[in-house]
């Protein structure tokens, strides 16, 4: 196999999990910000509203 493939495979195996865990934590933190509560409450009531 080529050296590039081996290098990328080793990088993905060693740092890929760390990268995806960090991305997950950032997404969860952004979603759980207190400033978004009003938007989420409005979206939760949307199916119950009559047009």
PDB file of N, CA and C in Angstrom:
ATOM      1  N   UNK A   1       0.835  -1.184   0.000  1.00  0.00           N
ATOM      2  CA  UNK A   1       0.000   0.000   0.000  1.00  0.00           C
ATOM      3  C   UNK A   1       0.874   1.240   0.000  1.00  0.00           C
ATOM      4  N   UNK A   2       0.278   2.326  -0.406  1.00  0.00           N
ATOM      5  CA  UNK A   2       1.067   3.551  -0.491  1.00  0.00           C
ATOM      6  C   UNK A   2       1.308   4.141   0.893  1.00  0.00           C
ATOM      7  N   UNK A   3       2.356   4.909   0.994  1.00  0.00           N
ATOM      8  CA  UNK A   3       2.712   5.535   2.264  1.00  0.00           C
ATOM      9  C   UNK A   3       1.643   6.535   2.709  1.00  0.00           C
ATOM     10  N   UNK A   4       1.021   7.198   1.754  1.00  0.00           N
ATOM     11  CA  UNK A   4      -0.020   8.169   2.082  1.00  0.00           C
ATOM     12  C   UNK A   4      -1.209   7.481   2.736  1.00  0.00           C
ATOM     13  N   UNK A   5      -1.623   6.366   2.174  1.00  0.00           N
ATOM     14  CA  UNK A   5      -2.757   5.628   2.733  1.00  0.00           C
ATOM     15  C   UNK A   5      -2.446   5.156   4.154  1.00  0.00           C
ATOM     16  N   UNK A   6      -1.270   4.626   4.357  1.00  0.00           N
ATOM     17  CA  UNK A   6      -0.883   4.133   5.678  1.00  0.00           C
ATOM     18  C   UNK A   6      -0.854   5.286   6.682  1.00  0.00           C
ATOM     19  N   UNK A   7      -0.320   6.424   6.275  1.00  0.00           N
ATOM     20  CA  UNK A   7      -0.255   7.578   7.172  1.00  0.00           C
ATOM     21  C   UNK A   7      -1.654   8.069   7.528  1.00  0.00           C
ATOM     22  N   UNK A   8      -2.538   8.142   6.535  1.00  0.00           N
ATOM     23  CA  UNK A   8      -3.905   8.588   6.811  1.00  0.00           C
ATOM     24  C   UNK A   8      -4.656   7.583   7.677  1.00  0.00           C
ATOM     25  N   UNK A   9      -4.442   6.312   7.463  1.00  0.00           N
ATOM     26  CA  UNK A   9      -5.098   5.286   8.266  1.00  0.00           C
ATOM     27  C   UNK A   9      -4.621   5.352   9.715  1.00  0.00           C
ATOM     28  N   UNK A  10      -3.348   5.539   9.923  1.00  0.00           N
ATOM     29  CA  UNK A  10      -2.823   5.652  11.284  1.00  0.00           C
ATOM     30  C   UNK A  10      -3.355   6.907  11.972  1.00  0.00           C
ATOM     31  N   UNK A  11      -3.432   8.006  11.244  1.00  0.00           N
ATOM     32  CA  UNK A  11      -3.977   9.243  11.816  1.00  0.00           C
ATOM     33  C   UNK A  11      -5.440   9.057  12.199  1.00  0.00           C
ATOM     34  N   UNK A  12      -6.230   8.455  11.333  1.00  0.00           N
ATOM     35  CA  UNK A  12      -7.645   8.254  11.612  1.00  0.00           C
ATOM     36  C   UNK A  12      -7.853   7.334  12.802  1.00  0.00           C
ATOM     37  N   UNK A  13      -7.032   6.326  12.923  1.00  0.00           N
ATOM     38  CA  UNK A  13      -7.172   5.397  14.036  1.00  0.00           C
ATOM     39  C   UNK A  13      -6.759   6.018  15.361  1.00  0.00           C
ATOM     40  N   UNK A  14      -5.810   6.909  15.324  1.00  0.00           N
ATOM     41  CA  UNK A  14      -5.326   7.473  16.573  1.00  0.00           C
ATOM     42  C   UNK A  14      -6.067   8.743  16.977  1.00  0.00           C
ATOM     43  N   UNK A  15      -6.395   9.615  16.045  1.00  0.00           N
ATOM     44  CA  UNK A  15      -6.988  10.901  16.382  1.00  0.00           C
ATOM     45  C   UNK A  15      -8.433  11.047  15.925  1.00  0.00           C
ATOM     46  N   UNK A  16      -8.933  10.118  15.154  1.00  0.00           N
ATOM     47  CA  UNK A  16     -10.309  10.222  14.665  1.00  0.00           C
ATOM     48  C   UNK A  16     -11.335  10.217  15.777  1.00  0.00           C
ATOM     49  N   UNK A  17     -11.174   9.326  16.745  1.00  0.00           N
ATOM     50  CA  UNK A  17     -12.114   9.264  17.860  1.00  0.00           C
ATOM     51  C   UNK A  17     -12.085  10.547  18.673  1.00  0.00           C
ATOM     52  N   UNK A  18     -10.906  11.064  18.925  1.00  0.00           N
ATOM     53  CA  UNK A  18     -10.787  12.318  19.674  1.00  0.00           C
ATOM     54  C   UNK A  18     -11.496  13.446  18.937  1.00  0.00           C
ATOM     55  N   UNK A  19     -11.306  13.512  17.633  1.00  0.00           N
ATOM     56  CA  UNK A  19     -11.945  14.546  16.821  1.00  0.00           C
ATOM     57  C   UNK A  19     -13.464  14.452  16.909  1.00  0.00           C
ATOM     58  N   UNK A  20     -14.016  13.259  16.739  1.00  0.00           N
ATOM     59  CA  UNK A  20     -15.463  13.118  16.749  1.00  0.00           C
ATOM     60  C   UNK A  20     -16.059  13.346  18.136  1.00  0.00           C
ATOM     61  N   UNK A  21     -15.347  12.993  19.185  1.00  0.00           N
ATOM     62  CA  UNK A  21     -15.824  13.286  20.540  1.00  0.00           C
ATOM     63  C   UNK A  21     -15.853  14.794  20.767  1.00  0.00           C
ATOM     64  N   UNK A  22     -14.827  15.489  20.333  1.00  0.00           N
ATOM     65  CA  UNK A  22     -14.802  16.947  20.485  1.00  0.00           C
ATOM     66  C   UNK A  22     -15.922  17.610  19.691  1.00  0.00           C
ATOM     67  N   UNK A  23     -16.164  17.149  18.471  1.00  0.00           N
ATOM     68  CA  UNK A  23     -17.254  17.704  17.667  1.00  0.00           C
ATOM     69  C   UNK A  23     -18.594  17.452  18.362  1.00  0.00           C
ATOM     70  N   UNK A  24     -18.793  16.246  18.908  1.00  0.00           N
ATOM     71  CA  UNK A  24     -20.031  15.926  19.606  1.00  0.00           C
ATOM     72  C   UNK A  24     -20.229  16.839  20.813  1.00  0.00           C
ATOM     73  N   UNK A  25     -19.183  17.056  21.589  1.00  0.00           N
ATOM     74  CA  UNK A  25     -19.291  17.904  22.776  1.00  0.00           C
ATOM     75  C   UNK A  25     -19.630  19.337  22.383  1.00  0.00           C
ATOM     76  N   UNK A  26     -19.015  19.842  21.342  1.00  0.00           N
ATOM     77  CA  UNK A  26     -19.302  21.207  20.890  1.00  0.00           C
ATOM     78  C   UNK A  26     -20.747  21.324  20.430  1.00  0.00           C
ATOM     79  N   UNK A  27     -21.238  20.357  19.676  1.00  0.00           N
ATOM     80  CA  UNK A  27     -22.625  20.404  19.192  1.00  0.00           C
ATOM     81  C   UNK A  27     -23.601  20.353  20.367  1.00  0.00           C
ATOM     82  N   UNK A  28     -23.339  19.496  21.331  1.00  0.00           N
ATOM     83  CA  UNK A  28     -24.218  19.401  22.500  1.00  0.00           C
ATOM     84  C   UNK A  28     -24.198  20.710  23.292  1.00  0.00           C
ATOM     85  N   UNK A  29     -23.032  21.285  23.481  1.00  0.00           N
ATOM     86  CA  UNK A  29     -22.950  22.552  24.212  1.00  0.00           C
ATOM     87  C   UNK A  29     -23.682  23.671  23.489  1.00  0.00           C
ATOM     88  N   UNK A  30     -23.569  23.720  22.176  1.00  0.00           N
ATOM     89  CA  UNK A  30     -24.290  24.743  21.424  1.00  0.00           C
ATOM     90  C   UNK A  30     -25.799  24.533  21.496  1.00  0.00           C
ATOM     91  N   UNK A  31     -26.228  23.292  21.470  1.00  0.00           N
ATOM     92  CA  UNK A  31     -27.661  23.004  21.529  1.00  0.00           C
ATOM     93  C   UNK A  31     -28.243  23.279  22.908  1.00  0.00           C
ATOM     94  N   UNK A  32     -27.450  23.145  23.942  1.00  0.00           N
ATOM     95  CA  UNK A  32     -27.949  23.306  25.309  1.00  0.00           C
ATOM     96  C   UNK A  32     -27.755  24.713  25.878  1.00  0.00           C
ATOM     97  N   UNK A  33     -27.366  25.655  25.046  1.00  0.00           N
ATOM     98  CA  UNK A  33     -27.190  27.023  25.537  1.00  0.00           C
ATOM     99  C   UNK A  33     -28.517  27.560  26.070  1.00  0.00           C
ATOM    100  N   UNK A  34     -28.490  28.234  27.195  1.00  0.00           N
ATOM    101  CA  UNK A  34     -29.738  28.789  27.748  1.00  0.00           C
ATOM    102  C   UNK A  34     -30.420  29.790  26.816  1.00  0.00           C
ATOM    103  N   UNK A  35     -29.674  30.457  25.988  1.00  0.00           N
ATOM    104  CA  UNK A  35     -30.274  31.446  25.090  1.00  0.00           C
ATOM    105  C   UNK A  35     -31.140  30.798  24.012  1.00  0.00           C
ATOM    106  N   UNK A  36     -31.023  29.496  23.801  1.00  0.00           N
ATOM    107  CA  UNK A  36     -31.819  28.808  22.780  1.00  0.00           C
ATOM    108  C   UNK A  36     -33.129  28.247  23.332  1.00  0.00           C
ATOM    109  N   UNK A  37     -33.354  28.368  24.645  1.00  0.00           N
ATOM    110  CA  UNK A  37     -34.529  27.777  25.275  1.00  0.00           C
ATOM    111  C   UNK A  37     -35.820  28.299  24.655  1.00  0.00           C
ATOM    112  N   UNK A  38     -35.913  29.574  24.403  1.00  0.00           N
ATOM    113  CA  UNK A  38     -37.137  30.146  23.833  1.00  0.00           C
ATOM    114  C   UNK A  38     -37.426  29.553  22.451  1.00  0.00           C
ATOM    115  N   UNK A  39     -36.392  29.390  21.642  1.00  0.00           N
ATOM    116  CA  UNK A  39     -36.588  28.808  20.314  1.00  0.00           C
ATOM    117  C   UNK A  39     -37.050  27.355  20.404  1.00  0.00           C
ATOM    118  N   UNK A  40     -36.480  26.593  21.322  1.00  0.00           N
ATOM    119  CA  UNK A  40     -36.860  25.188  21.467  1.00  0.00           C
ATOM    120  C   UNK A  40     -38.266  25.048  22.031  1.00  0.00           C
ATOM    121  N   UNK A  41     -38.643  25.924  22.952  1.00  0.00           N
ATOM    122  CA  UNK A  41     -40.012  25.895  23.479  1.00  0.00           C
ATOM    123  C   UNK A  41     -41.029  26.214  22.384  1.00  0.00           C
ATOM    124  N   UNK A  42     -40.702  27.176  21.543  1.00  0.00           N
ATOM    125  CA  UNK A  42     -41.592  27.524  20.433  1.00  0.00           C
ATOM    126  C   UNK A  42     -41.701  26.358  19.447  1.00  0.00           C
ATOM    127  N   UNK A  43     -40.603  25.706  19.159  1.00  0.00           N
ATOM    128  CA  UNK A  43     -40.626  24.563  18.243  1.00  0.00           C
ATOM    129  C   UNK A  43     -41.390  23.383  18.846  1.00  0.00           C
ATOM    130  N   UNK A  44     -41.335  23.220  20.160  1.00  0.00           N
ATOM    131  CA  UNK A  44     -42.053  22.120  20.809  1.00  0.00           C
ATOM    132  C   UNK A  44     -43.564  22.342  20.753  1.00  0.00           C
ATOM    133  N   UNK A  45     -44.015  23.587  20.784  1.00  0.00           N
ATOM    134  CA  UNK A  45     -45.439  23.870  20.722  1.00  0.00           C
ATOM    135  C   UNK A  45     -45.977  23.954  19.304  1.00  0.00           C
ATOM    136  N   UNK A  46     -45.123  23.973  18.331  1.00  0.00           N
ATOM    137  CA  UNK A  46     -45.537  24.154  16.938  1.00  0.00           C
ATOM    138  C   UNK A  46     -46.538  23.109  16.451  1.00  0.00           C
ATOM    139  N   UNK A  47     -46.367  21.812  16.737  1.00  0.00           N
ATOM    140  CA  UNK A  47     -47.364  20.849  16.257  1.00  0.00           C
ATOM    141  C   UNK A  47     -48.747  21.023  16.872  1.00  0.00           C
ATOM    142  N   UNK A  48     -48.835  21.683  18.008  1.00  0.00           N
ATOM    143  CA  UNK A  48     -50.111  21.872  18.688  1.00  0.00           C
ATOM    144  C   UNK A  48     -50.834  23.135  18.279  1.00  0.00           C
ATOM    145  N   UNK A  49     -50.163  24.000  17.565  1.00  0.00           N
ATOM    146  CA  UNK A  49     -50.779  25.265  17.173  1.00  0.00           C
ATOM    147  C   UNK A  49     -51.701  25.070  15.978  1.00  0.00           C
ATOM    148  N   UNK A  50     -52.736  25.871  15.962  1.00  0.00           N
ATOM    149  CA  UNK A  50     -53.677  25.831  14.840  1.00  0.00           C
ATOM    150  C   UNK A  50     -53.360  26.974  13.888  1.00  0.00           C
ATOM    151  N   UNK A  51     -53.421  26.690  12.623  1.00  0.00           N
ATOM    152  CA  UNK A  51     -53.170  27.745  11.630  1.00  0.00           C
ATOM    153  C   UNK A  51     -54.439  28.426  11.222  1.00  0.00           C
TER     154      UNK A  51
END
